[in-house]
């Protein structure tokens, strides 16, 4: 009996050794290094490609120091809640003056001087991450600008500020806000057009400018004409062309145009009194009816963008619906 018990004990012991060995082997297998999970997040790219008037350009995905060399881009950035880090600052010939309707939002922005003759030393000193401008203005300086920072030059953004706003939004990652601003503007000008047309009917409206050496009228293609005729749907006087931007005219030409309402931008203080005392001016319908309004940049920003255009529309409503 003891012999049987002893043999049974030996058999059970051997079985226990086998089981423990198997468990040890299984544990060792699970201790091997695990393969990385397939859903591990990839490292976020720090650059992206953007299509420009000079081809594709690689820019930082989240640029913090954006330099603008023409006014519209500063306006687009401000519209999107982004302060330009540096910007052209030669508004109305001043050395360090930003556009009046943007100056408050650009406090602290580094001034870069003139638009047409970029100050390379000032731009280099600012150390921007990205430079924004227009191909027609800075194509010749593109190579030098690109040595300072990735440079985005767009084709004629002033002709379609909505597209330029969307492109700017692409650079700073604000596409949804840009689309929202565009939709707000579409609603605004449609409602404003109905209100103004109800007030003045088919009476004609002209935007014009007195310069030191010429008189200029604005047609339907520029920012002023686009707002008046294409968006608000107001009636242009005779001689206004929808596919042209502006023309210099002789004083006598105003007799043929003879609008009911005039927005006058005075860019020649030294000759404005002489101009207003001219018999042609005095005999215009708008002058006789006291329908000549201030067209200065303080009340009607001389630009093309969400802020400029909405400010202009508010001023037009205020002026023509009195």
C-alpha atoms as a PDB file:
ATOM      1  CA  UNK A   1       0.000   0.000   0.000  1.00  0.00           C
ATOM      2  CA  UNK A   2       2.800   2.345   0.867  1.00  0.00           C
ATOM      3  CA  UNK A   3       4.425   1.393  -2.428  1.00  0.00           C
ATOM      4  CA  UNK A   4       1.300   2.425  -4.359  1.00  0.00           C
ATOM      5  CA  UNK A   5       1.000   5.696  -2.464  1.00  0.00           C
ATOM      6  CA  UNK A   6       4.652   6.417  -3.088  1.00  0.00           C
ATOM      7  CA  UNK A   7       4.309   5.803  -6.847  1.00  0.00           C
ATOM      8  CA  UNK A   8       1.152   7.919  -7.009  1.00  0.00           C
ATOM      9  CA  UNK A   9       2.956  10.750  -5.235  1.00  0.00           C
ATOM     10  CA  UNK A  10       5.791  10.553  -7.752  1.00  0.00           C
ATOM     11  CA  UNK A  11       3.365  10.611 -10.728  1.00  0.00           C
ATOM     12  CA  UNK A  12       1.461  13.627  -9.322  1.00  0.00           C
ATOM     13  CA  UNK A  13       4.710  15.451  -8.686  1.00  0.00           C
ATOM     14  CA  UNK A  14       5.824  14.867 -12.267  1.00  0.00           C
ATOM     15  CA  UNK A  15       2.490  16.141 -13.581  1.00  0.00           C
ATOM     16  CA  UNK A  16       2.812  19.277 -11.421  1.00  0.00           C
ATOM     17  CA  UNK A  17       6.303  19.929 -12.831  1.00  0.00           C
ATOM     18  CA  UNK A  18       4.959  19.594 -16.393  1.00  0.00           C
ATOM     19  CA  UNK A  19       2.067  22.011 -15.696  1.00  0.00           C
ATOM     20  CA  UNK A  20       4.340  24.572 -14.077  1.00  0.00           C
ATOM     21  CA  UNK A  21       6.769  24.341 -16.993  1.00  0.00           C
ATOM     22  CA  UNK A  22       3.946  24.922 -19.465  1.00  0.00           C
ATOM     23  CA  UNK A  23       2.732  27.958 -17.508  1.00  0.00           C
ATOM     24  CA  UNK A  24       6.255  29.354 -17.398  1.00  0.00           C
ATOM     25  CA  UNK A  25       6.585  28.902 -21.134  1.00  0.00           C
ATOM     26  CA  UNK A  26       3.263  30.699 -21.722  1.00  0.00           C
ATOM     27  CA  UNK A  27       4.299  33.564 -19.441  1.00  0.00           C
ATOM     28  CA  UNK A  28       7.583  33.944 -21.260  1.00  0.00           C
ATOM     29  CA  UNK A  29       5.741  34.166 -24.557  1.00  0.00           C
ATOM     30  CA  UNK A  30       3.523  36.975 -23.317  1.00  0.00           C
ATOM     31  CA  UNK A  31       6.532  38.834 -22.010  1.00  0.00           C
ATOM     32  CA  UNK A  32       7.906  39.340 -25.518  1.00  0.00           C
ATOM     33  CA  UNK A  33       7.839  42.934 -26.855  1.00  0.00           C
ATOM     34  CA  UNK A  34       4.462  43.873 -28.275  1.00  0.00           C
ATOM     35  CA  UNK A  35       4.101  45.276 -31.772  1.00  0.00           C
ATOM     36  CA  UNK A  36       3.027  48.943 -31.889  1.00  0.00           C
ATOM     37  CA  UNK A  37      -0.708  49.432 -32.232  1.00  0.00           C
ATOM     38  CA  UNK A  38      -1.846  50.281 -35.740  1.00  0.00           C
ATOM     39  CA  UNK A  39      -3.792  53.256 -34.457  1.00  0.00           C
ATOM     40  CA  UNK A  40      -0.806  55.101 -32.951  1.00  0.00           C
ATOM     41  CA  UNK A  41      -1.178  58.763 -33.967  1.00  0.00           C
ATOM     42  CA  UNK A  42       1.348  59.871 -36.560  1.00  0.00           C
ATOM     43  CA  UNK A  43       3.451  62.917 -35.811  1.00  0.00           C
ATOM     44  CA  UNK A  44       1.722  66.073 -37.033  1.00  0.00           C
ATOM     45  CA  UNK A  45       3.331  67.691 -40.075  1.00  0.00           C
ATOM     46  CA  UNK A  46       4.830  71.120 -39.392  1.00  0.00           C
ATOM     47  CA  UNK A  47       4.607  72.356 -42.998  1.00  0.00           C
ATOM     48  CA  UNK A  48       2.075  72.335 -45.809  1.00  0.00           C
ATOM     49  CA  UNK A  49       2.007  73.173 -49.517  1.00  0.00           C
ATOM     50  CA  UNK A  50      -0.065  76.090 -50.763  1.00  0.00           C
ATOM     51  CA  UNK A  51      -0.774  77.047 -54.359  1.00  0.00           C
ATOM     52  CA  UNK A  52       0.320  80.599 -55.234  1.00  0.00           C
ATOM     53  CA  UNK A  53       0.844  82.783 -58.264  1.00  0.00           C
ATOM     54  CA  UNK A  54       4.433  81.519 -58.307  1.00  0.00           C
ATOM     55  CA  UNK A  55       3.549  77.815 -58.015  1.00  0.00           C
ATOM     56  CA  UNK A  56       3.449  75.646 -54.906  1.00  0.00           C
ATOM     57  CA  UNK A  57       5.146  77.052 -51.807  1.00  0.00           C
ATOM     58  CA  UNK A  58       5.894  75.185 -48.583  1.00  0.00           C
ATOM     59  CA  UNK A  59       4.877  77.172 -45.514  1.00  0.00           C
ATOM     60  CA  UNK A  60       4.618  76.467 -41.760  1.00  0.00           C
ATOM     61  CA  UNK A  61       1.232  74.963 -40.863  1.00  0.00           C
ATOM     62  CA  UNK A  62       0.749  77.391 -37.983  1.00  0.00           C
ATOM     63  CA  UNK A  63       2.699  80.560 -38.833  1.00  0.00           C
ATOM     64  CA  UNK A  64       2.892  83.004 -35.947  1.00  0.00           C
ATOM     65  CA  UNK A  65       4.791  85.859 -37.589  1.00  0.00           C
ATOM     66  CA  UNK A  66       2.990  86.834 -40.800  1.00  0.00           C
ATOM     67  CA  UNK A  67       4.237  89.840 -42.775  1.00  0.00           C
ATOM     68  CA  UNK A  68       1.911  91.497 -45.300  1.00  0.00           C
ATOM     69  CA  UNK A  69       3.341  93.754 -47.984  1.00  0.00           C
ATOM     70  CA  UNK A  70       0.020  95.027 -49.386  1.00  0.00           C
ATOM     71  CA  UNK A  71      -3.017  96.378 -47.544  1.00  0.00           C
ATOM     72  CA  UNK A  72      -5.650  93.772 -48.491  1.00  0.00           C
ATOM     73  CA  UNK A  73      -3.807  90.942 -46.738  1.00  0.00           C
ATOM     74  CA  UNK A  74      -3.574  92.887 -43.493  1.00  0.00           C
ATOM     75  CA  UNK A  75      -7.335  93.400 -43.734  1.00  0.00           C
ATOM     76  CA  UNK A  76      -7.959  89.712 -44.429  1.00  0.00           C
ATOM     77  CA  UNK A  77      -5.903  88.703 -41.392  1.00  0.00           C
ATOM     78  CA  UNK A  78      -7.691  91.178 -39.135  1.00  0.00           C
ATOM     79  CA  UNK A  79     -11.024  89.907 -40.495  1.00  0.00           C
ATOM     80  CA  UNK A  80      -9.994  86.435 -39.338  1.00  0.00           C
ATOM     81  CA  UNK A  81      -8.969  87.656 -35.896  1.00  0.00           C
ATOM     82  CA  UNK A  82      -5.222  87.436 -36.620  1.00  0.00           C
ATOM     83  CA  UNK A  83      -3.024  90.485 -36.072  1.00  0.00           C
ATOM     84  CA  UNK A  84      -0.343  90.851 -38.772  1.00  0.00           C
ATOM     85  CA  UNK A  85       3.082  90.569 -37.175  1.00  0.00           C
ATOM     86  CA  UNK A  86       4.517  93.061 -39.688  1.00  0.00           C
ATOM     87  CA  UNK A  87       2.907  95.067 -42.493  1.00  0.00           C
ATOM     88  CA  UNK A  88       3.420  97.740 -45.124  1.00  0.00           C
ATOM     89  CA  UNK A  89       2.885 101.105 -43.482  1.00  0.00           C
ATOM     90  CA  UNK A  90       2.821 103.832 -46.117  1.00  0.00           C
ATOM     91  CA  UNK A  91      -0.867 104.724 -46.066  1.00  0.00           C
ATOM     92  CA  UNK A  92      -1.473 108.030 -47.904  1.00  0.00           C
ATOM     93  CA  UNK A  93       2.267 108.614 -48.211  1.00  0.00           C
ATOM     94  CA  UNK A  94       2.965 108.491 -44.475  1.00  0.00           C
ATOM     95  CA  UNK A  95       6.105 106.663 -43.378  1.00  0.00           C
ATOM     96  CA  UNK A  96       4.659 104.544 -40.574  1.00  0.00           C
ATOM     97  CA  UNK A  97       0.889 104.689 -40.965  1.00  0.00           C
ATOM     98  CA  UNK A  98      -1.383 101.679 -41.385  1.00  0.00           C
ATOM     99  CA  UNK A  99      -4.716 102.013 -43.178  1.00  0.00           C
ATOM    100  CA  UNK A 100      -7.061 104.056 -41.030  1.00  0.00           C
ATOM    101  CA  UNK A 101      -9.812 101.462 -40.721  1.00  0.00           C
ATOM    102  CA  UNK A 102      -7.276  98.856 -39.513  1.00  0.00           C
ATOM    103  CA  UNK A 103      -4.945 100.949 -37.354  1.00  0.00           C
ATOM    104  CA  UNK A 104      -6.660 100.166 -34.025  1.00  0.00           C
ATOM    105  CA  UNK A 105      -6.535  96.393 -34.622  1.00  0.00           C
ATOM    106  CA  UNK A 106      -2.900  96.571 -35.744  1.00  0.00           C
ATOM    107  CA  UNK A 107      -1.443  98.263 -32.682  1.00  0.00           C
ATOM    108  CA  UNK A 108       1.946  96.640 -32.092  1.00  0.00           C
ATOM    109  CA  UNK A 109       2.357  95.448 -35.689  1.00  0.00           C
ATOM    110  CA  UNK A 110       5.892  96.043 -36.991  1.00  0.00           C
ATOM    111  CA  UNK A 111       5.842  98.773 -39.717  1.00  0.00           C
ATOM    112  CA  UNK A 112       7.658  97.832 -42.931  1.00  0.00           C
ATOM    113  CA  UNK A 113       7.452 101.057 -44.920  1.00  0.00           C
ATOM    114  CA  UNK A 114       6.392 101.382 -48.557  1.00  0.00           C
ATOM    115  CA  UNK A 115       4.507  98.876 -50.673  1.00  0.00           C
ATOM    116  CA  UNK A 116       6.061  99.277 -54.112  1.00  0.00           C
ATOM    117  CA  UNK A 117       9.635  99.528 -52.855  1.00  0.00           C
ATOM    118  CA  UNK A 118       9.842  96.945 -50.037  1.00  0.00           C
ATOM    119  CA  UNK A 119      12.389  97.658 -47.336  1.00  0.00           C
ATOM    120  CA  UNK A 120      14.306  94.369 -47.352  1.00  0.00           C
ATOM    121  CA  UNK A 121      16.272  95.342 -44.262  1.00  0.00           C
ATOM    122  CA  UNK A 122      13.065  95.990 -42.295  1.00  0.00           C
ATOM    123  CA  UNK A 123      11.482  92.750 -43.509  1.00  0.00           C
ATOM    124  CA  UNK A 124      14.604  90.759 -42.634  1.00  0.00           C
ATOM    125  CA  UNK A 125      14.757  92.413 -39.230  1.00  0.00           C
ATOM    126  CA  UNK A 126      11.132  91.490 -38.537  1.00  0.00           C
ATOM    127  CA  UNK A 127      11.972  87.807 -39.065  1.00  0.00           C
ATOM    128  CA  UNK A 128       8.586  86.665 -40.424  1.00  0.00           C
ATOM    129  CA  UNK A 129       7.504  83.025 -40.785  1.00  0.00           C
ATOM    130  CA  UNK A 130       5.533  83.814 -43.966  1.00  0.00           C
ATOM    131  CA  UNK A 131       5.317  86.807 -46.325  1.00  0.00           C
ATOM    132  CA  UNK A 132       2.034  87.648 -48.129  1.00  0.00           C
ATOM    133  CA  UNK A 133       1.737  89.916 -51.161  1.00  0.00           C
ATOM    134  CA  UNK A 134       0.553  90.293 -54.764  1.00  0.00           C
ATOM    135  CA  UNK A 135       2.380  88.947 -57.793  1.00  0.00           C
ATOM    136  CA  UNK A 136       1.826  92.128 -59.823  1.00  0.00           C
ATOM    137  CA  UNK A 137       3.501  94.190 -57.085  1.00  0.00           C
ATOM    138  CA  UNK A 138       6.364  92.025 -55.853  1.00  0.00           C
ATOM    139  CA  UNK A 139       7.147  89.446 -58.530  1.00  0.00           C
ATOM    140  CA  UNK A 140      10.532  91.058 -59.214  1.00  0.00           C
ATOM    141  CA  UNK A 141      11.409  90.949 -55.524  1.00  0.00           C
ATOM    142  CA  UNK A 142      10.168  87.368 -55.096  1.00  0.00           C
ATOM    143  CA  UNK A 143      13.581  85.712 -55.076  1.00  0.00           C
ATOM    144  CA  UNK A 144      14.950  88.089 -52.441  1.00  0.00           C
ATOM    145  CA  UNK A 145      11.795  87.843 -50.331  1.00  0.00           C
ATOM    146  CA  UNK A 146      11.883  84.037 -50.490  1.00  0.00           C
ATOM    147  CA  UNK A 147      15.356  84.069 -48.972  1.00  0.00           C
ATOM    148  CA  UNK A 148      13.873  85.769 -45.915  1.00  0.00           C
ATOM    149  CA  UNK A 149      10.772  83.561 -45.511  1.00  0.00           C
ATOM    150  CA  UNK A 150       8.341  81.465 -47.571  1.00  0.00           C
ATOM    151  CA  UNK A 151       6.583  84.008 -49.782  1.00  0.00           C
ATOM    152  CA  UNK A 152       3.008  83.729 -51.020  1.00  0.00           C
ATOM    153  CA  UNK A 153       2.210  85.955 -54.017  1.00  0.00           C
ATOM    154  CA  UNK A 154      -1.365  85.814 -55.287  1.00  0.00           C
ATOM    155  CA  UNK A 155      -2.701  86.844 -58.696  1.00  0.00           C
ATOM    156  CA  UNK A 156      -4.920  89.967 -58.525  1.00  0.00           C
ATOM    157  CA  UNK A 157      -6.555  89.305 -55.122  1.00  0.00           C
ATOM    158  CA  UNK A 158      -8.077  92.806 -55.204  1.00  0.00           C
ATOM    159  CA  UNK A 159     -10.388  91.678 -58.012  1.00  0.00           C
ATOM    160  CA  UNK A 160     -11.979  89.007 -55.805  1.00  0.00           C
ATOM    161  CA  UNK A 161     -11.505  89.726 -52.118  1.00  0.00           C
ATOM    162  CA  UNK A 162     -13.567  86.680 -51.157  1.00  0.00           C
ATOM    163  CA  UNK A 163     -11.116  84.301 -52.861  1.00  0.00           C
ATOM    164  CA  UNK A 164      -8.189  86.164 -51.291  1.00  0.00           C
ATOM    165  CA  UNK A 165      -9.827  85.918 -47.851  1.00  0.00           C
ATOM    166  CA  UNK A 166     -10.285  82.165 -48.299  1.00  0.00           C
ATOM    167  CA  UNK A 167      -6.653  81.770 -49.389  1.00  0.00           C
ATOM    168  CA  UNK A 168      -5.496  83.748 -46.359  1.00  0.00           C
ATOM    169  CA  UNK A 169      -7.726  81.573 -44.176  1.00  0.00           C
ATOM    170  CA  UNK A 170      -6.081  78.487 -45.659  1.00  0.00           C
ATOM    171  CA  UNK A 171      -2.704  79.797 -44.511  1.00  0.00           C
ATOM    172  CA  UNK A 172      -3.813  80.436 -40.915  1.00  0.00           C
ATOM    173  CA  UNK A 173      -6.312  77.574 -40.584  1.00  0.00           C
ATOM    174  CA  UNK A 174      -9.447  79.759 -40.379  1.00  0.00           C
ATOM    175  CA  UNK A 175     -11.415  78.493 -43.386  1.00  0.00           C
ATOM    176  CA  UNK A 176     -14.702  78.103 -41.504  1.00  0.00           C
ATOM    177  CA  UNK A 177     -14.563  81.656 -40.133  1.00  0.00           C
ATOM    178  CA  UNK A 178     -13.755  83.041 -43.585  1.00  0.00           C
ATOM    179  CA  UNK A 179     -16.787  81.327 -45.078  1.00  0.00           C
ATOM    180  CA  UNK A 180     -18.914  82.689 -42.260  1.00  0.00           C
ATOM    181  CA  UNK A 181     -17.734  86.254 -42.957  1.00  0.00           C
ATOM    182  CA  UNK A 182     -18.499  85.867 -46.665  1.00  0.00           C
ATOM    183  CA  UNK A 183     -22.024  84.639 -45.922  1.00  0.00           C
ATOM    184  CA  UNK A 184     -22.546  87.579 -43.540  1.00  0.00           C
ATOM    185  CA  UNK A 185     -21.472  89.986 -46.254  1.00  0.00           C
ATOM    186  CA  UNK A 186     -23.753  88.435 -48.887  1.00  0.00           C
ATOM    187  CA  UNK A 187     -26.718  88.893 -46.567  1.00  0.00           C
ATOM    188  CA  UNK A 188     -25.687  92.427 -45.655  1.00  0.00           C
ATOM    189  CA  UNK A 189     -25.380  93.864 -49.151  1.00  0.00           C
ATOM    190  CA  UNK A 190     -28.645  92.289 -50.335  1.00  0.00           C
ATOM    191  CA  UNK A 191     -30.603  93.788 -47.448  1.00  0.00           C
ATOM    192  CA  UNK A 192     -28.786  97.120 -47.821  1.00  0.00           C
ATOM    193  CA  UNK A 193     -29.536  97.269 -51.558  1.00  0.00           C
ATOM    194  CA  UNK A 194     -33.250  96.890 -50.941  1.00  0.00           C
ATOM    195  CA  UNK A 195     -33.177  99.637 -48.316  1.00  0.00           C
ATOM    196  CA  UNK A 196     -31.238 102.152 -50.421  1.00  0.00           C
ATOM    197  CA  UNK A 197     -33.206 101.487 -53.622  1.00  0.00           C
ATOM    198  CA  UNK A 198     -36.406 102.032 -51.672  1.00  0.00           C
ATOM    199  CA  UNK A 199     -35.056 105.431 -50.611  1.00  0.00           C
ATOM    200  CA  UNK A 200     -33.702 106.817 -53.917  1.00  0.00           C
ATOM    201  CA  UNK A 201     -35.323 104.666 -56.588  1.00  0.00           C
ATOM    202  CA  UNK A 202     -33.606 104.965 -59.975  1.00  0.00           C
ATOM    203  CA  UNK A 203     -31.609 108.088 -59.099  1.00  0.00           C
ATOM    204  CA  UNK A 204     -28.024 107.796 -60.317  1.00  0.00           C
ATOM    205  CA  UNK A 205     -24.956 107.594 -58.054  1.00  0.00           C
ATOM    206  CA  UNK A 206     -21.300 108.352 -58.838  1.00  0.00           C
ATOM    207  CA  UNK A 207     -18.053 107.911 -56.884  1.00  0.00           C
ATOM    208  CA  UNK A 208     -15.358 110.339 -58.031  1.00  0.00           C
ATOM    209  CA  UNK A 209     -12.004 111.658 -56.909  1.00  0.00           C
ATOM    210  CA  UNK A 210     -10.201 114.975 -57.250  1.00  0.00           C
ATOM    211  CA  UNK A 211      -6.429 114.588 -57.577  1.00  0.00           C
ATOM    212  CA  UNK A 212      -3.757 117.274 -57.947  1.00  0.00           C
ATOM    213  CA  UNK A 213      -3.565 116.816 -61.732  1.00  0.00           C
ATOM    214  CA  UNK A 214      -6.778 115.050 -62.727  1.00  0.00           C
ATOM    215  CA  UNK A 215     -10.397 114.237 -62.021  1.00  0.00           C
ATOM    216  CA  UNK A 216     -11.184 110.531 -61.811  1.00  0.00           C
ATOM    217  CA  UNK A 217     -14.510 108.719 -62.041  1.00  0.00           C
ATOM    218  CA  UNK A 218     -14.984 105.145 -60.878  1.00  0.00           C
ATOM    219  CA  UNK A 219     -16.705 102.542 -63.032  1.00  0.00           C
ATOM    220  CA  UNK A 220     -18.222  99.183 -62.132  1.00  0.00           C
ATOM    221  CA  UNK A 221     -15.156  96.964 -61.788  1.00  0.00           C
ATOM    222  CA  UNK A 222     -13.293  98.498 -58.830  1.00  0.00           C
ATOM    223  CA  UNK A 223     -14.270  98.214 -55.145  1.00  0.00           C
ATOM    224  CA  UNK A 224     -16.388 101.393 -55.202  1.00  0.00           C
ATOM    225  CA  UNK A 225     -18.326 100.557 -58.353  1.00  0.00           C
ATOM    226  CA  UNK A 226     -18.758  96.924 -57.353  1.00  0.00           C
ATOM    227  CA  UNK A 227     -20.487  97.938 -54.127  1.00  0.00           C
ATOM    228  CA  UNK A 228     -22.651 100.634 -55.702  1.00  0.00           C
ATOM    229  CA  UNK A 229     -23.774  99.000 -58.926  1.00  0.00           C
ATOM    230  CA  UNK A 230     -23.249  95.246 -58.768  1.00  0.00           C
ATOM    231  CA  UNK A 231     -24.033  94.534 -55.128  1.00  0.00           C
ATOM    232  CA  UNK A 232     -26.394  97.287 -53.977  1.00  0.00           C
ATOM    233  CA  UNK A 233     -27.915  97.459 -57.459  1.00  0.00           C
ATOM    234  CA  UNK A 234     -27.921 101.259 -57.654  1.00  0.00           C
ATOM    235  CA  UNK A 235     -28.247 103.031 -60.996  1.00  0.00           C
ATOM    236  CA  UNK A 236     -25.024 104.257 -62.632  1.00  0.00           C
ATOM    237  CA  UNK A 237     -25.086 107.556 -64.541  1.00  0.00           C
ATOM    238  CA  UNK A 238     -24.419 107.762 -68.266  1.00  0.00           C
ATOM    239  CA  UNK A 239     -20.827 106.984 -69.182  1.00  0.00           C
ATOM    240  CA  UNK A 240     -20.150 104.461 -66.409  1.00  0.00           C
ATOM    241  CA  UNK A 241     -18.738 101.175 -67.702  1.00  0.00           C
ATOM    242  CA  UNK A 242     -19.325  97.919 -65.837  1.00  0.00           C
ATOM    243  CA  UNK A 243     -16.151  96.219 -67.111  1.00  0.00           C
ATOM    244  CA  UNK A 244     -13.738  99.065 -66.322  1.00  0.00           C
ATOM    245  CA  UNK A 245     -12.305 100.342 -63.038  1.00  0.00           C
ATOM    246  CA  UNK A 246     -11.611 104.071 -63.341  1.00  0.00           C
ATOM    247  CA  UNK A 247     -10.924 106.853 -65.837  1.00  0.00           C
ATOM    248  CA  UNK A 248      -9.425 110.326 -65.760  1.00  0.00           C
ATOM    249  CA  UNK A 249     -11.822 112.819 -67.360  1.00  0.00           C
ATOM    250  CA  UNK A 250     -11.982 116.463 -68.323  1.00  0.00           C
ATOM    251  CA  UNK A 251     -14.179 118.746 -66.217  1.00  0.00           C
ATOM    252  CA  UNK A 252     -16.619 119.213 -69.076  1.00  0.00           C
ATOM    253  CA  UNK A 253     -17.340 115.480 -69.142  1.00  0.00           C
ATOM    254  CA  UNK A 254     -19.175 115.839 -65.829  1.00  0.00           C
ATOM    255  CA  UNK A 255     -21.900 117.756 -67.654  1.00  0.00           C
ATOM    256  CA  UNK A 256     -22.686 114.626 -69.679  1.00  0.00           C
ATOM    257  CA  UNK A 257     -22.565 112.325 -66.644  1.00  0.00           C
ATOM    258  CA  UNK A 258     -24.565 114.679 -64.381  1.00  0.00           C
ATOM    259  CA  UNK A 259     -25.399 112.228 -61.543  1.00  0.00           C
ATOM    260  CA  UNK A 260     -28.117 112.675 -58.921  1.00  0.00           C
ATOM    261  CA  UNK A 261     -25.750 111.753 -56.082  1.00  0.00           C
ATOM    262  CA  UNK A 262     -21.959 112.100 -55.799  1.00  0.00           C
ATOM    263  CA  UNK A 263     -19.496 110.616 -53.311  1.00  0.00           C
ATOM    264  CA  UNK A 264     -16.428 112.848 -53.566  1.00  0.00           C
ATOM    265  CA  UNK A 265     -12.948 111.793 -52.478  1.00  0.00           C
ATOM    266  CA  UNK A 266     -10.783 114.888 -52.088  1.00  0.00           C
ATOM    267  CA  UNK A 267      -7.117 114.015 -52.643  1.00  0.00           C
ATOM    268  CA  UNK A 268      -6.097 117.558 -53.614  1.00  0.00           C
ATOM    269  CA  UNK A 269      -6.827 120.020 -50.794  1.00  0.00           C
ATOM    270  CA  UNK A 270      -4.819 122.664 -52.637  1.00  0.00           C
ATOM    271  CA  UNK A 271      -7.217 122.741 -55.591  1.00  0.00           C
ATOM    272  CA  UNK A 272     -10.560 121.677 -54.148  1.00  0.00           C
ATOM    273  CA  UNK A 273     -11.885 125.232 -53.745  1.00  0.00           C
ATOM    274  CA  UNK A 274     -11.025 126.066 -57.334  1.00  0.00           C
ATOM    275  CA  UNK A 275     -12.706 122.846 -58.420  1.00  0.00           C
ATOM    276  CA  UNK A 276     -15.889 123.551 -56.479  1.00  0.00           C
ATOM    277  CA  UNK A 277     -16.106 127.075 -57.855  1.00  0.00           C
ATOM    278  CA  UNK A 278     -15.981 125.858 -61.459  1.00  0.00           C
ATOM    279  CA  UNK A 279     -19.246 126.589 -63.371  1.00  0.00           C
ATOM    280  CA  UNK A 280     -19.520 122.956 -64.526  1.00  0.00           C
ATOM    281  CA  UNK A 281     -19.449 121.710 -60.944  1.00  0.00           C
ATOM    282  CA  UNK A 282     -21.915 124.288 -59.694  1.00  0.00           C
ATOM    283  CA  UNK A 283     -24.457 123.319 -62.372  1.00  0.00           C
ATOM    284  CA  UNK A 284     -24.504 119.580 -61.673  1.00  0.00           C
ATOM    285  CA  UNK A 285     -27.812 118.160 -60.365  1.00  0.00           C
ATOM    286  CA  UNK A 286     -26.167 116.615 -57.315  1.00  0.00           C
ATOM    287  CA  UNK A 287     -24.542 119.927 -56.373  1.00  0.00           C
ATOM    288  CA  UNK A 288     -27.744 121.921 -56.798  1.00  0.00           C
ATOM    289  CA  UNK A 289     -29.724 119.430 -54.718  1.00  0.00           C
ATOM    290  CA  UNK A 290     -27.024 119.245 -52.017  1.00  0.00           C
ATOM    291  CA  UNK A 291     -26.453 115.564 -52.786  1.00  0.00           C
ATOM    292  CA  UNK A 292     -22.656 115.605 -52.632  1.00  0.00           C
ATOM    293  CA  UNK A 293     -21.209 113.465 -49.832  1.00  0.00           C
ATOM    294  CA  UNK A 294     -17.834 112.947 -48.242  1.00  0.00           C
ATOM    295  CA  UNK A 295     -16.030 110.050 -49.938  1.00  0.00           C
ATOM    296  CA  UNK A 296     -12.895 110.211 -47.796  1.00  0.00           C
ATOM    297  CA  UNK A 297     -11.057 107.128 -46.607  1.00  0.00           C
ATOM    298  CA  UNK A 298     -12.102 107.838 -43.033  1.00  0.00           C
ATOM    299  CA  UNK A 299     -15.740 107.041 -43.879  1.00  0.00           C
ATOM    300  CA  UNK A 300     -15.328 104.917 -47.026  1.00  0.00           C
ATOM    301  CA  UNK A 301     -12.111 102.848 -46.743  1.00  0.00           C
ATOM    302  CA  UNK A 302     -10.218 102.799 -50.000  1.00  0.00           C
ATOM    303  CA  UNK A 303      -9.760  99.064 -50.171  1.00  0.00           C
ATOM    304  CA  UNK A 304     -11.276  95.725 -51.042  1.00  0.00           C
ATOM    305  CA  UNK A 305     -12.126  93.354 -48.226  1.00  0.00           C
ATOM    306  CA  UNK A 306     -14.770  92.376 -45.693  1.00  0.00           C
ATOM    307  CA  UNK A 307     -14.080  95.294 -43.333  1.00  0.00           C
ATOM    308  CA  UNK A 308     -13.726  97.907 -46.093  1.00  0.00           C
ATOM    309  CA  UNK A 309     -16.855  96.845 -47.911  1.00  0.00           C
ATOM    310  CA  UNK A 310     -19.087  96.492 -44.846  1.00  0.00           C
ATOM    311  CA  UNK A 311     -17.936  99.908 -43.612  1.00  0.00           C
ATOM    312  CA  UNK A 312     -18.711 101.407 -47.021  1.00  0.00           C
ATOM    313  CA  UNK A 313     -22.165  99.838 -47.107  1.00  0.00           C
ATOM    314  CA  UNK A 314     -23.018 101.168 -43.648  1.00  0.00           C
ATOM    315  CA  UNK A 315     -21.925 104.635 -44.776  1.00  0.00           C
ATOM    316  CA  UNK A 316     -23.920 104.455 -48.015  1.00  0.00           C
ATOM    317  CA  UNK A 317     -27.046 103.459 -46.101  1.00  0.00           C
ATOM    318  CA  UNK A 318     -26.530 106.269 -43.601  1.00  0.00           C
ATOM    319  CA  UNK A 319     -25.981 108.809 -46.388  1.00  0.00           C
ATOM    320  CA  UNK A 320     -28.576 107.899 -48.998  1.00  0.00           C
ATOM    321  CA  UNK A 321     -31.501 107.018 -46.741  1.00  0.00           C
ATOM    322  CA  UNK A 322     -31.629 110.237 -44.710  1.00  0.00           C
END
